[in-house]
Amino acid sequence: MPNSFISDDYAFMRRALQLAALGRGRVSPNPMVGCVIAHEGRVIGEGWHRKYGDWHAEVNAVSEAIAKGHEALLCQSTVYVTLEPCSHFGKTPPCADLLVKHRVQKVIICNHDPNPLVAGKGIQKLREAGIEVETGLLEAEGRRLNARFFTFMEHRRPYIILKWAETADGFVGDEHKRPLAISSLPSRVLSHRWRTEEDAILVGTTTAQNDNPQLNARLWAGRSPVRIVLDRTLRLSPSLHLFDNTQQTLCYNTLKNEENGQTTFVQLDFDDFFLVNLLQDLHGRKIQSLIVEGGGEVLQSFLNQGLYDEIRVFKSPHCVGKGTAAPRLTQGSNPPPQEKNGEDWLYITYISKPLVGFGS
């Protein structure tokens, strides 16, 4: 039987998606989830998954409804949730069991959960308890919100963002591959905000050596990502910021496996399949999203192999005349500017679906 959603259903699910987004950068490796409970067109409880290990969205929404004195209305209410309620014990009990316990009348779900531990079992549990369930409301919006989670589960690799700043005449560094001060302060602040929203950030040997980056989120409140550096023969100086043990760091190389405080050296063959093997290793470490920040050769390698889901480019209004060329897009020319950020233009390209996955 086809779904017959009404205008209120769309409004409540949009609110649930707004709530889910409040968990961005705090819930990985879990997905962002929001929940709204409505009775006769009025919200009686809402919640979202606030951080990894805490209560899920449905629990918070039910708790709010009860705290407001609406427990008796739950059995006559509709629950709007952005992802299929979980059906297994993890860090918290199953949310499907909670909804069954309170005998909610109906559950409307944005997206099915691709996690094999759930994958339809939550919906089945609700229906077996006599609860009406409808799915697919604002499905595309839900998949965009949780693109990292869906890519990780369905394609067994992190969601990949390629990011760089270039001059108006297309350079990312000077002619000796040394860094240039390209982006404006507002663009740098935005870049640091992005770091708090992703699991990991990657640079190559040349960038690590020439820029000595910290790769933290010092310009924005939030967690710093896992730092990843590619150093084939371990020629980088241990005095670099990347090896200061202030945050978790992975150094991929061909020589050794070793742990030193928060720094882990991971031995991996730097062959034709290196990037694929790297991404599979990151998947095994539950890293759902990755920002690749440089240098140009590393970015170009990801571009050439189609290993990306999103590209973010800051283009400065300034020219330098000569230098290290910016990466060349292989999927056509830059799209029209998306927005002005400080004095820079910000271009964002989304790929409609992951170009490369590694199966199941």
Protein backbone atom coordinates (compact mmCIF):
# COMPACT_ATOMS: atom_id res chain seq x y z
CA MET A 1 0.00 0.00 0.00
CA PRO A 2 1.57 3.34 -0.99
CA ASN A 3 2.33 5.94 1.66
CA SER A 4 -0.12 8.85 1.93
CA PHE A 5 1.77 11.54 3.79
CA ILE A 6 0.05 14.83 4.60
CA SER A 7 1.49 18.31 5.07
CA ASP A 8 1.87 17.89 8.84
CA ASP A 9 3.93 14.75 8.26
CA TYR A 10 6.42 16.69 6.12
CA ALA A 11 6.62 19.51 8.66
CA PHE A 12 7.30 17.17 11.57
CA MET A 13 9.90 15.17 9.65
CA ARG A 14 11.68 18.37 8.58
CA ARG A 15 11.82 19.32 12.23
CA ALA A 16 13.23 15.88 13.07
CA LEU A 17 15.93 16.38 10.41
CA GLN A 18 16.78 19.79 11.88
CA LEU A 19 17.16 18.21 15.30
CA ALA A 20 19.30 15.39 13.92
CA ALA A 21 21.74 17.89 12.42
CA LEU A 22 22.45 19.26 15.91
CA GLY A 23 24.50 16.11 16.52
CA ARG A 24 26.91 16.85 13.66
CA GLY A 25 30.50 16.18 14.69
CA ARG A 26 29.48 14.60 18.00
CA VAL A 27 27.87 11.22 17.30
CA SER A 28 30.20 9.36 14.89
CA PRO A 29 30.43 6.45 14.31
CA ASN A 30 26.69 6.57 14.98
CA PRO A 31 24.41 8.39 12.53
CA MET A 32 22.73 11.70 13.29
CA VAL A 33 19.12 11.03 14.32
CA GLY A 34 16.24 13.29 15.29
CA CYS A 35 12.80 12.41 16.62
CA VAL A 36 9.50 14.30 16.99
CA ILE A 37 6.41 12.92 18.74
CA ALA A 38 3.10 14.52 17.72
CA HIS A 39 -0.42 14.14 19.06
CA GLU A 40 -3.32 15.56 17.05
CA GLY A 41 -1.05 17.95 15.18
CA ARG A 42 0.85 19.17 18.26
CA VAL A 43 4.41 18.31 19.28
CA ILE A 44 4.49 16.70 22.72
CA GLY A 45 8.13 15.63 22.72
CA GLU A 46 11.27 15.88 20.64
CA GLY A 47 14.92 14.92 20.89
CA TRP A 48 18.09 14.04 19.05
CA HIS A 49 21.17 11.90 19.50
CA ARG A 50 23.46 14.39 21.24
CA LYS A 51 26.76 12.53 21.34
CA TYR A 52 28.20 9.06 20.86
CA GLY A 53 27.40 6.81 23.81
CA ASP A 54 24.48 8.95 25.03
CA TRP A 55 20.78 8.22 24.73
CA HIS A 56 19.33 7.98 21.23
CA ALA A 57 16.86 10.43 19.75
CA GLU A 58 13.75 8.35 20.50
CA VAL A 59 14.67 8.03 24.18
CA ASN A 60 15.18 11.78 24.51
CA ALA A 61 11.90 12.53 22.73
CA VAL A 62 9.90 10.08 24.87
CA SER A 63 11.60 11.42 28.03
CA GLU A 64 10.61 14.97 27.11
CA ALA A 65 7.01 13.93 26.47
CA ILE A 66 6.86 12.24 29.86
CA ALA A 67 8.53 15.18 31.62
CA LYS A 68 5.85 17.47 30.15
CA GLY A 69 3.10 15.22 31.52
CA HIS A 70 2.12 13.63 28.21
CA GLU A 71 2.89 9.95 28.93
CA ALA A 72 -0.77 8.97 28.61
CA LEU A 73 -0.86 10.47 25.09
CA LEU A 74 1.99 8.37 23.72
CA CYS A 75 -0.32 5.49 22.80
CA GLN A 76 -2.31 7.89 20.61
CA SER A 77 0.70 9.62 19.04
CA THR A 78 2.77 9.46 15.88
CA VAL A 79 6.55 9.25 16.15
CA TYR A 80 8.61 10.84 13.37
CA VAL A 81 12.17 9.57 13.33
CA THR A 82 14.89 10.17 10.74
CA LEU A 83 16.34 6.64 10.89
CA GLU A 84 14.84 3.24 11.58
CA PRO A 85 14.77 2.67 15.36
CA CYS A 86 17.51 0.32 16.51
CA SER A 87 16.57 -3.21 17.52
CA HIS A 88 19.77 -4.35 19.27
CA PHE A 89 21.61 -3.71 22.50
CA GLY A 90 24.66 -1.51 22.01
CA LYS A 91 25.73 1.25 24.38
CA THR A 92 21.99 1.78 25.00
CA PRO A 93 18.92 -0.51 24.88
CA PRO A 94 16.90 -0.92 21.65
CA CYS A 95 14.79 2.12 20.76
CA ALA A 96 12.23 -0.09 19.03
CA ASP A 97 11.55 -1.78 22.38
CA LEU A 98 10.93 1.61 24.00
CA LEU A 99 8.34 2.56 21.39
CA VAL A 100 6.66 -0.83 21.77
CA LYS A 101 6.64 -0.41 25.56
CA HIS A 102 4.74 2.86 25.27
CA ARG A 103 2.41 1.43 22.58
CA VAL A 104 2.79 4.41 20.23
CA GLN A 105 0.14 4.47 17.55
CA LYS A 106 2.28 5.05 14.48
CA VAL A 107 5.93 5.48 13.49
CA ILE A 108 6.97 7.36 10.33
CA ILE A 109 10.59 6.79 9.29
CA CYS A 110 12.75 8.82 6.92
CA ASN A 111 15.47 6.21 6.15
CA HIS A 112 15.99 2.49 6.63
CA ASP A 113 19.10 1.67 8.65
CA PRO A 114 21.73 -0.16 6.53
CA ASN A 115 23.59 -1.35 9.63
CA PRO A 116 23.37 -5.17 9.51
CA LEU A 117 22.54 -5.14 13.24
CA VAL A 118 19.31 -3.28 12.39
CA ALA A 119 18.53 -3.52 8.63
CA GLY A 120 14.75 -3.87 8.86
CA LYS A 121 14.65 -5.60 12.25
CA GLY A 122 13.52 -2.44 14.00
CA ILE A 123 10.62 -1.99 11.59
CA GLN A 124 9.71 -5.65 11.91
CA LYS A 125 9.65 -5.43 15.70
CA LEU A 126 7.34 -2.41 15.59
CA ARG A 127 4.92 -4.01 13.12
CA GLU A 128 4.82 -7.29 15.04
CA ALA A 129 3.73 -5.24 18.07
CA GLY A 130 0.81 -3.85 16.09
CA ILE A 131 2.32 -0.41 15.48
CA GLU A 132 1.63 1.14 12.08
CA VAL A 133 4.88 1.96 10.27
CA GLU A 134 5.46 4.06 7.15
CA THR A 135 8.85 4.75 5.59
CA GLY A 136 10.53 6.94 2.99
CA LEU A 137 9.32 10.40 4.06
CA LEU A 138 11.96 12.95 2.90
CA GLU A 139 14.26 10.03 2.16
CA ALA A 140 16.66 11.98 -0.07
CA GLU A 141 17.12 14.69 2.56
CA GLY A 142 17.85 12.05 5.18
CA ARG A 143 20.46 10.34 3.04
CA ARG A 144 22.19 13.67 2.38
CA LEU A 145 22.25 14.45 6.09
CA ASN A 146 23.80 11.08 6.91
CA ALA A 147 25.86 10.67 3.74
CA ARG A 148 28.89 9.72 5.83
CA PHE A 149 27.05 6.95 7.65
CA PHE A 150 25.46 5.54 4.49
CA THR A 151 28.75 5.64 2.55
CA PHE A 152 30.54 3.89 5.42
CA MET A 153 27.89 1.17 5.73
CA GLU A 154 27.03 0.61 2.07
CA HIS A 155 30.42 1.16 0.42
CA ARG A 156 32.75 0.13 3.25
CA ARG A 157 34.93 3.23 3.15
CA PRO A 158 34.88 6.74 4.62
CA TYR A 159 33.02 9.60 3.01
CA ILE A 160 35.79 11.58 1.28
CA ILE A 161 36.00 15.37 1.05
CA LEU A 162 38.77 16.91 -1.06
CA LYS A 163 39.53 20.44 0.07
CA TRP A 164 42.03 23.07 -1.00
CA ALA A 165 42.52 26.82 -1.49
CA GLU A 166 43.84 28.23 -4.73
CA THR A 167 44.70 31.62 -6.16
CA ALA A 168 42.65 33.29 -8.89
CA ASP A 169 45.21 32.07 -11.44
CA GLY A 170 45.12 28.48 -10.20
CA PHE A 171 48.05 27.93 -7.82
CA VAL A 172 48.18 26.29 -4.38
CA GLY A 173 51.83 27.01 -3.51
CA ASP A 174 54.87 28.84 -4.74
CA GLU A 175 57.18 27.47 -7.42
CA HIS A 176 59.19 25.60 -4.76
CA LYS A 177 56.04 23.89 -3.35
CA ARG A 178 56.15 26.08 -0.28
CA PRO A 179 52.81 27.23 1.19
CA LEU A 180 51.13 30.46 0.22
CA ALA A 181 48.78 32.49 2.42
CA ILE A 182 45.85 32.07 0.04
CA SER A 183 42.55 31.98 1.91
CA SER A 184 41.11 34.77 4.06
CA LEU A 185 40.56 34.50 7.81
CA PRO A 186 36.81 33.72 7.45
CA SER A 187 37.72 30.84 5.12
CA ARG A 188 40.28 29.51 7.60
CA VAL A 189 37.73 29.67 10.40
CA LEU A 190 35.20 27.80 8.26
CA SER A 191 37.84 25.17 7.47
CA HIS A 192 38.38 24.62 11.19
CA ARG A 193 34.64 24.29 11.74
CA TRP A 194 34.61 21.60 9.06
CA ARG A 195 37.39 19.78 10.91
CA THR A 196 35.15 19.45 13.99
CA GLU A 197 32.49 17.80 11.80
CA GLU A 198 34.66 15.03 10.29
CA ASP A 199 36.46 12.04 11.74
CA ALA A 200 39.88 12.46 10.13
CA ILE A 201 42.08 14.79 8.07
CA LEU A 202 44.90 13.72 5.74
CA VAL A 203 48.03 15.33 4.29
CA GLY A 204 51.01 14.00 2.37
CA THR A 205 54.71 14.11 3.16
CA THR A 206 55.51 17.35 1.31
CA THR A 207 52.70 19.28 2.98
CA ALA A 208 53.69 17.94 6.40
CA GLN A 209 57.32 18.88 5.82
CA ASN A 210 56.84 22.31 4.26
CA ASP A 211 53.77 23.55 6.16
CA ASN A 212 54.29 21.82 9.54
CA PRO A 213 50.50 21.86 10.05
CA GLN A 214 48.79 21.19 13.38
CA LEU A 215 45.60 19.87 11.72
CA ASN A 216 43.51 20.69 14.77
CA ALA A 217 40.39 22.81 15.27
CA ARG A 218 41.95 25.68 17.23
CA LEU A 219 39.83 28.32 15.44
CA TRP A 220 36.50 26.64 16.25
CA ALA A 221 35.07 25.01 19.38
CA GLY A 222 34.74 21.25 18.98
CA ARG A 223 36.72 18.05 18.69
CA SER A 224 39.81 17.86 16.52
CA PRO A 225 39.90 15.10 13.88
CA VAL A 226 42.25 12.14 13.75
CA ARG A 227 45.36 13.33 11.91
CA ILE A 228 46.64 11.18 9.04
CA VAL A 229 49.99 11.69 7.34
CA LEU A 230 51.49 9.69 4.46
CA ASP A 231 55.24 9.20 4.99
CA ARG A 232 56.44 6.32 2.84
CA THR A 233 60.03 6.06 4.18
CA LEU A 234 59.55 7.83 7.54
CA ARG A 235 61.67 10.80 6.56
CA LEU A 236 59.57 13.38 8.41
CA SER A 237 61.11 14.94 11.51
CA PRO A 238 59.61 13.77 14.82
CA SER A 239 59.68 17.43 15.92
CA LEU A 240 56.78 18.29 13.59
CA HIS A 241 53.44 19.24 15.12
CA LEU A 242 51.93 16.07 13.67
CA PHE A 243 53.99 13.97 16.09
CA ASP A 244 53.42 16.02 19.24
CA ASN A 245 50.94 13.49 20.69
CA THR A 246 48.32 16.16 21.34
CA GLN A 247 45.71 14.25 19.32
CA GLN A 248 45.30 10.86 17.72
CA THR A 249 47.54 10.55 14.66
CA LEU A 250 48.05 7.80 12.07
CA CYS A 251 51.26 7.73 10.05
CA TYR A 252 51.10 5.38 7.05
CA ASN A 253 54.47 4.09 5.89
CA THR A 254 56.22 1.05 4.37
CA LEU A 255 58.59 0.29 7.26
CA LYS A 256 56.88 -0.39 10.59
CA ASN A 257 53.84 -0.88 12.77
CA GLU A 258 54.29 0.88 16.09
CA GLU A 259 52.38 2.80 18.72
CA ASN A 260 53.85 5.79 20.51
CA GLY A 261 51.34 7.54 22.75
CA GLN A 262 48.58 8.91 20.52
CA THR A 263 50.70 8.36 17.41
CA THR A 264 50.29 5.08 15.52
CA PHE A 265 52.59 4.04 12.67
CA VAL A 266 50.78 1.80 10.19
CA GLN A 267 52.74 -0.24 7.66
CA LEU A 268 51.11 -0.39 4.23
CA ASP A 269 52.36 -1.06 0.69
CA PHE A 270 52.56 2.16 -1.34
CA ASP A 271 51.60 0.42 -4.59
CA ASP A 272 48.88 1.02 -7.19
CA PHE A 273 46.25 -0.04 -4.65
CA PHE A 274 47.58 2.07 -1.82
CA LEU A 275 44.65 4.49 -1.56
CA VAL A 276 42.11 1.67 -1.69
CA ASN A 277 44.00 -0.23 1.01
CA LEU A 278 44.31 2.95 3.06
CA LEU A 279 40.57 3.56 2.93
CA GLN A 280 39.83 -0.04 3.86
CA ASP A 281 42.14 0.30 6.86
CA LEU A 282 40.36 3.49 7.92
CA HIS A 283 37.03 1.69 7.57
CA GLY A 284 38.32 -0.96 9.95
CA ARG A 285 39.17 1.81 12.43
CA LYS A 286 35.55 3.11 12.19
CA ILE A 287 36.57 6.37 10.56
CA GLN A 288 33.46 7.42 8.66
CA SER A 289 34.66 10.64 7.04
CA LEU A 290 37.92 12.03 5.76
CA ILE A 291 39.05 15.50 4.67
CA VAL A 292 42.02 15.41 2.30
CA GLU A 293 43.80 18.77 2.55
CA GLY A 294 46.95 18.25 0.53
CA GLY A 295 49.24 18.52 -1.04
CA GLY A 296 48.48 18.84 -4.69
CA GLU A 297 49.87 15.42 -5.66
CA VAL A 298 47.87 13.63 -2.98
CA LEU A 299 44.68 15.46 -3.94
CA GLN A 300 45.29 14.68 -7.61
CA SER A 301 45.71 10.98 -6.79
CA PHE A 302 42.29 10.90 -5.13
CA LEU A 303 40.80 12.79 -8.07
CA ASN A 304 42.37 10.51 -10.69
CA GLN A 305 41.07 7.37 -8.96
CA GLY A 306 37.58 8.76 -8.44
CA LEU A 307 37.95 8.44 -4.69
CA TYR A 308 35.86 11.34 -3.49
CA ASP A 309 32.29 12.28 -2.67
CA GLU A 310 32.64 16.02 -2.33
CA ILE A 311 35.06 18.77 -3.37
CA ARG A 312 35.42 22.08 -1.54
CA VAL A 313 37.56 24.79 -3.08
CA PHE A 314 38.28 28.27 -1.81
CA LYS A 315 39.30 30.56 -4.66
CA SER A 316 41.14 33.73 -3.67
CA PRO A 317 40.78 36.93 -5.73
CA HIS A 318 44.57 37.33 -5.74
CA CYS A 319 47.04 36.17 -8.41
CA VAL A 320 50.66 35.08 -7.98
CA GLY A 321 51.71 34.59 -11.62
CA LYS A 322 53.53 31.30 -11.11
CA GLY A 323 53.78 28.49 -8.61
CA THR A 324 52.51 24.98 -7.85
CA ALA A 325 49.40 24.26 -9.90
CA ALA A 326 46.12 23.46 -8.17
CA PRO A 327 44.61 19.99 -8.67
CA ARG A 328 42.81 19.45 -11.97
CA LEU A 329 39.18 18.44 -11.74
CA THR A 330 38.41 15.37 -13.84
CA GLN A 331 34.61 15.69 -13.76
CA GLY A 332 34.27 18.91 -15.72
CA SER A 333 34.85 22.56 -14.90
CA ASN A 334 34.17 24.24 -11.60
CA PRO A 335 30.49 24.87 -10.85
CA PRO A 336 29.26 28.44 -10.36
CA PRO A 337 30.36 29.99 -7.06
CA GLN A 338 28.20 28.69 -4.23
CA GLU A 339 28.82 31.50 -1.77
CA LYS A 340 31.16 34.31 -0.84
CA ASN A 341 33.24 33.65 2.27
CA GLY A 342 35.24 36.65 3.32
CA GLU A 343 36.97 37.79 0.16
CA ASP A 344 37.05 34.24 -1.25
CA TRP A 345 34.60 32.32 -3.38
CA LEU A 346 33.67 28.89 -2.08
CA TYR A 347 32.93 26.17 -4.64
CA ILE A 348 31.33 22.93 -3.46
CA THR A 349 30.77 19.97 -5.78
CA TYR A 350 28.75 16.96 -4.62
CA ILE A 351 28.93 13.64 -6.41
CA SER A 352 25.43 12.22 -6.82
CA LYS A 353 26.55 8.83 -5.56
CA PRO A 354 29.88 7.35 -4.41
CA LEU A 355 32.06 6.62 -7.44
CA VAL A 356 33.96 3.80 -5.79
CA GLY A 357 32.87 1.32 -3.13
CA PHE A 358 34.46 -1.83 -1.88
CA GLY A 359 31.45 -4.13 -1.66
CA SER A 360 30.43 -6.18 1.31
